[in-house]
Amino acid sequence: MYHHSGSVTQQAAGSATGLLETRSQDADAILFQRCTWCGTAMYHRLLCPVCRGSDLRTERSDGTGTVRHSTVVHRNTPAARNVSLIEMSEGFVVRGRVMGPPIGIHSGDRVRLSTAKDPVRGEPVFQLLDEPYRAWS
């Protein structure tokens, strides 16, 4: 098996990870990849999960999405927190935290990316766009 020298590997790794690093103007944005062959949007991938293409371009998300799944976690934290899977409007799914009461976050709630970051895990933090307390129906 052929292995590149350390300098070539370092350069290649830097260019691949440079695609996902946030720049100063994108500090409050989520950067994702889109496959140039099939158009699939994905988050933090090296290859397209649909066509296995490696030609991915980096795009900036508009920051809105929908909660697909949310759960309350009590482990390794002093207080309960939620962990949610957010389907962004561009079509990719990202794991993050939604601000608000953990019991008040439901599948289908619309959210927007917040400027805050989760201090423990470094995951994105979202705010609810709709009223967090729904009327009983």
Protein backbone atom coordinates (compact mmCIF):
# COMPACT_ATOMS: atom_id res chain seq x y z
CA MET A 1 0.00 0.00 0.00
CA TYR A 2 1.31 3.45 -0.89
CA HIS A 3 1.53 6.11 1.82
CA HIS A 4 2.17 9.78 1.16
CA SER A 5 4.98 11.58 2.89
CA GLY A 6 4.11 13.55 6.04
CA SER A 7 4.15 16.92 4.29
CA VAL A 8 1.77 15.80 1.53
CA THR A 9 -0.60 14.19 4.01
CA GLN A 10 -0.56 17.30 6.18
CA GLN A 11 -1.34 19.51 3.20
CA ALA A 12 -4.21 17.27 2.05
CA ALA A 13 -5.65 17.03 5.56
CA GLY A 14 -5.47 20.80 5.98
CA SER A 15 -7.33 21.43 2.74
CA ALA A 16 -10.06 18.92 3.60
CA THR A 17 -10.61 20.28 7.09
CA GLY A 18 -10.36 23.86 5.86
CA LEU A 19 -13.65 23.36 4.06
CA LEU A 20 -15.52 22.98 7.33
CA GLU A 21 -13.77 25.58 9.45
CA THR A 22 -15.81 28.66 10.16
CA ARG A 23 -14.48 31.99 8.97
CA SER A 24 -15.02 35.23 10.87
CA GLN A 25 -18.05 36.26 8.77
CA ASP A 26 -19.48 32.72 9.10
CA ALA A 27 -19.11 32.50 12.88
CA ASP A 28 -22.89 32.22 13.32
CA ALA A 29 -23.50 29.99 10.29
CA ILE A 30 -23.45 26.27 9.61
CA LEU A 31 -21.30 25.23 6.69
CA PHE A 32 -22.26 22.05 4.88
CA GLN A 33 -21.24 20.18 1.73
CA ARG A 34 -23.19 19.59 -1.45
CA CYS A 35 -22.16 16.88 -3.93
CA THR A 36 -21.46 18.36 -7.35
CA TRP A 37 -22.51 15.11 -9.06
CA CYS A 38 -25.90 14.32 -7.51
CA GLY A 39 -26.68 17.49 -5.49
CA THR A 40 -27.06 15.74 -2.12
CA ALA A 41 -26.55 18.00 0.91
CA MET A 42 -24.60 16.55 3.85
CA TYR A 43 -22.89 17.65 7.05
CA HIS A 44 -19.26 16.74 7.88
CA ARG A 45 -18.70 14.03 5.29
CA LEU A 46 -15.72 13.10 3.15
CA LEU A 47 -17.75 11.23 0.53
CA CYS A 48 -21.30 11.63 -0.73
CA PRO A 49 -23.52 9.02 0.99
CA VAL A 50 -25.61 8.61 -2.19
CA CYS A 51 -23.15 8.39 -5.10
CA ARG A 52 -19.84 8.09 -3.15
CA GLY A 53 -18.47 11.10 -5.02
CA SER A 54 -15.63 13.07 -3.45
CA ASP A 55 -16.22 16.32 -5.36
CA LEU A 56 -18.01 18.28 -2.63
CA ARG A 57 -18.48 22.05 -2.51
CA THR A 58 -18.96 23.97 0.72
CA GLU A 59 -22.10 26.08 1.12
CA ARG A 60 -23.51 28.25 3.88
CA SER A 61 -26.83 27.28 5.46
CA ASP A 62 -29.52 29.91 6.02
CA GLY A 63 -29.89 28.55 9.58
CA THR A 64 -33.52 27.44 9.63
CA GLY A 65 -34.75 23.91 10.11
CA THR A 66 -37.24 21.53 11.67
CA VAL A 67 -36.84 19.31 14.73
CA ARG A 68 -37.00 15.67 13.60
CA HIS A 69 -36.26 14.05 16.96
CA SER A 70 -35.61 15.38 20.45
CA THR A 71 -34.75 13.62 23.66
CA VAL A 72 -33.99 14.76 27.22
CA VAL A 73 -30.57 13.76 28.57
CA HIS A 74 -29.75 13.67 32.29
CA ARG A 75 -26.34 12.02 31.98
CA ASN A 76 -23.08 13.89 32.77
CA THR A 77 -24.81 17.24 33.27
CA PRO A 78 -25.93 19.07 36.40
CA ALA A 79 -29.34 19.77 34.81
CA ALA A 80 -31.46 18.07 32.17
CA ARG A 81 -30.75 19.15 28.59
CA ASN A 82 -32.14 18.19 25.23
CA VAL A 83 -30.35 16.62 22.30
CA SER A 84 -32.12 17.10 18.99
CA LEU A 85 -31.73 16.08 15.37
CA ILE A 86 -32.50 19.09 13.19
CA GLU A 87 -33.30 18.74 9.50
CA MET A 88 -32.09 21.95 7.91
CA SER A 89 -33.99 23.59 5.05
CA GLU A 90 -31.18 22.62 2.65
CA GLY A 91 -31.81 18.92 3.30
CA PHE A 92 -29.04 17.79 5.67
CA VAL A 93 -29.43 16.71 9.31
CA VAL A 94 -27.36 18.09 12.18
CA ARG A 95 -27.26 17.20 15.87
CA GLY A 96 -27.65 20.11 18.26
CA ARG A 97 -29.43 21.58 21.24
CA VAL A 98 -32.65 23.62 21.21
CA MET A 99 -32.96 26.38 23.83
CA GLY A 100 -36.05 26.23 25.96
CA PRO A 101 -37.62 23.81 28.39
CA PRO A 102 -36.54 20.28 27.41
CA ILE A 103 -40.08 18.96 27.79
CA GLY A 104 -41.45 21.68 25.45
CA ILE A 105 -39.50 20.67 22.34
CA HIS A 106 -41.33 18.40 19.92
CA SER A 107 -40.84 16.87 16.49
CA GLY A 108 -42.01 19.27 13.81
CA ASP A 109 -41.07 22.47 15.69
CA ARG A 110 -39.40 25.08 13.51
CA VAL A 111 -36.03 26.38 14.73
CA ARG A 112 -33.38 28.94 13.79
CA LEU A 113 -29.64 28.78 14.48
CA SER A 114 -28.58 30.85 17.48
CA THR A 115 -25.28 32.70 17.88
CA ALA A 116 -24.60 30.71 21.08
CA LYS A 117 -22.57 27.50 21.05
CA ASP A 118 -22.91 24.54 23.38
CA PRO A 119 -19.97 25.01 25.79
CA VAL A 120 -19.66 21.29 26.59
CA ARG A 121 -20.00 19.57 23.23
CA GLY A 122 -19.43 22.45 20.79
CA GLU A 123 -22.62 21.57 18.92
CA PRO A 124 -24.85 24.22 17.35
CA VAL A 125 -27.62 25.73 19.46
CA PHE A 126 -31.04 26.56 18.03
CA GLN A 127 -33.98 28.75 19.10
CA LEU A 128 -37.63 27.88 18.62
CA LEU A 129 -39.40 29.99 15.98
CA ASP A 130 -42.89 29.01 17.09
CA GLU A 131 -44.51 29.47 20.47
CA PRO A 132 -42.86 26.92 22.83
CA TYR A 133 -46.04 26.35 24.83
CA ARG A 134 -48.86 24.95 22.74
CA ALA A 135 -52.50 25.17 23.65
CA TRP A 136 -54.10 21.90 24.65
CA SER A 137 -56.24 20.63 21.81
